[in-house]
Protein backbone atom coordinates (compact mmCIF):
# COMPACT_ATOMS: atom_id res chain seq x y z
CA UNK A 1 -0.07 -0.37 0.09
CA UNK A 2 1.03 3.91 -0.95
CA UNK A 3 1.15 6.96 0.92
CA UNK A 4 -1.49 8.23 -1.54
CA UNK A 5 -3.84 4.89 -0.69
CA UNK A 6 -4.44 5.18 2.93
CA UNK A 7 -8.15 5.73 1.86
CA UNK A 8 -8.53 1.99 1.30
CA UNK A 9 -9.11 0.41 4.43
CA UNK A 10 -11.84 3.31 4.66
CA UNK A 11 -13.58 1.73 1.53
CA UNK A 12 -13.70 -2.01 2.35
CA UNK A 13 -14.78 -1.13 6.39
CA UNK A 14 -18.14 0.57 4.06
CA UNK A 15 -18.41 -2.38 1.58
CA UNK A 16 -18.24 -5.10 4.04
CA UNK A 17 -20.60 -3.76 5.95
CA UNK A 18 -22.85 -3.47 3.35
CA UNK A 19 -22.60 -6.92 3.08
CA UNK A 20 -22.63 -8.15 5.60
CA UNK A 21 -25.98 -5.90 6.02
CA UNK A 22 -26.92 -6.82 2.64
CA UNK A 23 -26.88 -10.48 3.68
CA UNK A 24 -28.31 -9.96 7.20
CA UNK A 25 -31.21 -9.06 5.36
CA UNK A 26 -31.13 -12.09 2.53
CA UNK A 27 -31.07 -14.26 5.13
CA UNK A 28 -34.32 -12.96 7.01
CA UNK A 29 -36.05 -13.17 3.85
CA UNK A 30 -35.72 -16.54 3.18
CA UNK A 31 -36.69 -17.72 5.90
CA UNK A 32 -39.62 -15.37 6.66
CA UNK A 33 -41.10 -14.56 3.70
CA UNK A 34 -40.30 -17.85 1.60
CA UNK A 35 -41.45 -19.45 5.44
CA UNK A 36 -45.10 -20.97 3.62
CA UNK A 37 -43.67 -22.18 1.26
CA UNK A 38 -41.13 -25.08 3.28
CA UNK A 39 -43.08 -24.53 6.67
CA UNK A 40 -45.26 -26.13 3.53
CA UNK A 41 -42.84 -28.82 2.84
CA UNK A 42 -41.95 -29.10 6.36
CA UNK A 43 -45.18 -30.78 7.44
CA UNK A 44 -46.34 -32.25 3.79
CA UNK A 45 -42.76 -34.32 4.43
CA UNK A 46 -43.94 -34.99 8.98
CA UNK A 47 -46.79 -36.72 7.30
CA UNK A 48 -44.48 -38.11 4.82
CA UNK A 49 -46.00 -37.17 1.76
CA UNK A 50 -43.83 -36.50 -1.26
CA UNK A 51 -44.17 -33.60 -3.16
CA UNK A 52 -42.05 -31.46 -5.78
CA UNK A 53 -40.98 -28.06 -6.63
CA UNK A 54 -44.66 -27.80 -8.90
CA UNK A 55 -47.30 -28.27 -6.13
CA UNK A 56 -45.28 -24.89 -4.88
CA UNK A 57 -45.67 -23.16 -8.24
CA UNK A 58 -48.87 -24.33 -10.12
CA UNK A 59 -50.70 -21.52 -8.94
CA UNK A 60 -47.88 -18.60 -9.49
CA UNK A 61 -46.81 -18.48 -5.97
CA UNK A 62 -43.13 -18.01 -6.82
CA UNK A 63 -44.52 -14.60 -8.95
CA UNK A 64 -46.35 -13.88 -6.31
CA UNK A 65 -43.55 -13.29 -4.07
CA UNK A 66 -41.23 -11.37 -7.26
CA UNK A 67 -44.04 -9.35 -7.79
CA UNK A 68 -43.93 -8.57 -3.90
CA UNK A 69 -40.07 -8.41 -4.14
CA UNK A 70 -40.20 -6.01 -7.18
CA UNK A 71 -42.56 -3.72 -6.29
CA UNK A 72 -39.68 -3.52 -3.51
CA UNK A 73 -37.20 -2.82 -4.97
CA UNK A 74 -38.55 0.51 -6.62
CA UNK A 75 -39.47 2.05 -3.78
CA UNK A 76 -35.99 1.49 -2.62
CA UNK A 77 -35.13 3.16 -5.91
CA UNK A 78 -37.79 5.85 -5.61
CA UNK A 79 -37.82 6.91 -2.47
CA UNK A 80 -34.97 9.47 -1.52
CA UNK A 81 -32.91 11.44 -4.17
CA UNK A 82 -31.20 12.81 -1.17
CA UNK A 83 -28.96 10.37 -1.26
CA UNK A 84 -29.21 9.69 -5.14
CA UNK A 85 -28.75 5.85 -5.98
CA UNK A 86 -26.11 4.76 -8.49
CA UNK A 87 -27.67 2.45 -11.28
CA UNK A 88 -30.55 3.83 -10.23
CA UNK A 89 -32.58 4.13 -14.13
CA UNK A 90 -30.81 0.51 -14.48
CA UNK A 91 -32.37 -1.32 -11.85
CA UNK A 92 -35.49 0.12 -11.99
CA UNK A 93 -35.83 -1.17 -15.91
CA UNK A 94 -35.50 -4.05 -14.81
CA UNK A 95 -37.79 -3.79 -11.59
CA UNK A 96 -40.58 -2.84 -13.17
CA UNK A 97 -39.83 -5.61 -16.67
CA UNK A 98 -39.64 -7.76 -13.95
CA UNK A 99 -42.61 -6.69 -11.70
CA UNK A 100 -44.71 -6.58 -15.18
CA UNK A 101 -43.76 -9.57 -16.03
CA UNK A 102 -44.74 -11.40 -12.53
CA UNK A 103 -47.76 -9.89 -12.33
CA UNK A 104 -48.74 -11.47 -16.04
CA UNK A 105 -47.32 -14.68 -16.00
CA UNK A 106 -50.24 -14.75 -12.26
CA UNK A 107 -53.10 -13.86 -13.34
CA UNK A 108 -52.99 -16.40 -16.90
CA UNK A 109 -51.77 -19.30 -14.25
CA UNK A 110 -54.59 -17.97 -12.60
CA UNK A 111 -57.08 -17.36 -14.25
CA UNK A 112 -55.84 -20.96 -16.45
CA UNK A 113 -56.39 -22.14 -12.50
CA UNK A 114 -59.98 -20.77 -12.50
CA UNK A 115 -61.13 -21.35 -15.39
CA UNK A 116 -60.04 -25.31 -15.70
CA UNK A 117 -63.46 -26.09 -14.60
CA UNK A 118 -65.19 -24.94 -18.21
CA UNK A 119 -64.22 -25.73 -21.51
CA UNK A 120 -61.89 -23.29 -22.37
CA UNK A 121 -59.58 -24.57 -24.78
CA UNK A 122 -56.47 -23.24 -23.66
CA UNK A 123 -54.45 -25.48 -20.25
CA UNK A 124 -51.69 -24.93 -17.81
CA UNK A 125 -47.94 -25.41 -18.43
CA UNK A 126 -46.84 -27.02 -14.80
CA UNK A 127 -43.81 -27.45 -16.56
CA UNK A 128 -43.24 -23.97 -18.25
CA UNK A 129 -45.09 -21.96 -15.33
CA UNK A 130 -42.34 -24.24 -12.12
CA UNK A 131 -39.32 -22.79 -15.03
CA UNK A 132 -41.15 -19.01 -15.66
CA UNK A 133 -41.79 -18.82 -11.75
CA UNK A 134 -38.59 -19.57 -10.43
CA UNK A 135 -36.59 -17.45 -12.83
CA UNK A 136 -38.59 -14.76 -12.09
CA UNK A 137 -38.33 -15.21 -9.20
CA UNK A 138 -34.39 -14.93 -8.63
CA UNK A 139 -34.07 -12.46 -10.83
CA UNK A 140 -36.36 -10.31 -8.43
CA UNK A 141 -34.43 -11.52 -5.39
CA UNK A 142 -31.33 -10.65 -7.14
CA UNK A 143 -32.82 -6.75 -7.81
CA UNK A 144 -33.70 -6.13 -4.69
CA UNK A 145 -30.14 -7.67 -3.35
CA UNK A 146 -28.47 -5.52 -5.94
CA UNK A 147 -30.57 -2.38 -4.87
CA UNK A 148 -30.11 -3.04 -1.25
CA UNK A 149 -26.38 -2.92 -1.47
CA UNK A 150 -26.19 0.47 -4.06
CA UNK A 151 -28.79 2.36 -1.25
CA UNK A 152 -26.89 1.68 2.19
CA UNK A 153 -23.34 2.71 -0.09
CA UNK A 154 -25.07 5.33 -0.85
CA UNK A 155 -26.02 6.42 2.34
CA UNK A 156 -23.62 5.79 4.19
CA UNK A 157 -20.97 8.29 1.20
CA UNK A 158 -20.48 11.12 3.28
CA UNK A 159 -18.37 13.35 0.25
CA UNK A 160 -17.04 15.25 3.02
CA UNK A 161 -15.90 13.28 4.35
CA UNK A 162 -14.14 11.65 1.67
CA UNK A 163 -12.54 14.84 0.30
CA UNK A 164 -10.96 15.14 3.51
CA UNK A 165 -9.27 12.21 4.56
CA UNK A 166 -8.05 12.59 0.12
CA UNK A 167 -6.72 16.26 1.32
CA UNK A 168 -4.90 13.98 4.54
CA UNK A 169 -3.49 11.72 1.83
CA UNK A 170 -2.11 14.21 -0.38
CA UNK A 171 -0.91 16.70 2.33
CA UNK A 172 0.71 13.31 3.51
CA UNK A 173 1.86 12.03 0.30
CA UNK A 174 3.62 15.68 -0.14
CA UNK A 175 4.62 15.60 3.62
CA UNK A 176 6.36 12.69 2.92
CA UNK A 177 8.41 13.89 -0.80
CA UNK A 178 9.28 16.91 1.62
CA UNK A 179 11.47 14.59 3.92
């Protein structure tokens, strides 16, 4: 590490803090938000029932989770202008696209499940619904994690402190050249 590299440990520490905060949110989300799914799997397993993944996505449940995550992500992106979020436009567009896609897939799955007793020529493709639901959910989860991480970085950044650190590093570097 050179004399001009004195701000690196402070940046690494903030980075670690935001990673820890984001990981804690992700862990909490996976435990709490998905409790109805893993809880019902556990109860069914205790009753010696075998279930597959398609049993949990046949009505578009993961699309609901994806829509909830995308909606929360949009809220985080749009709520504060004081702390500009890096990548706000792209994460916002991705979250909006995920929200619309999830809502449409869920609406389609719900409609086809609801009218399956009627004489409708369309049939729900469970394999496709499973795949698209999981993809939408994980895309929304990754977008939410990235947004949360970027939000933490933008809120913890203080330009005055950063400028003071840089000025101190430059002063120290000039003093070492002078000596």
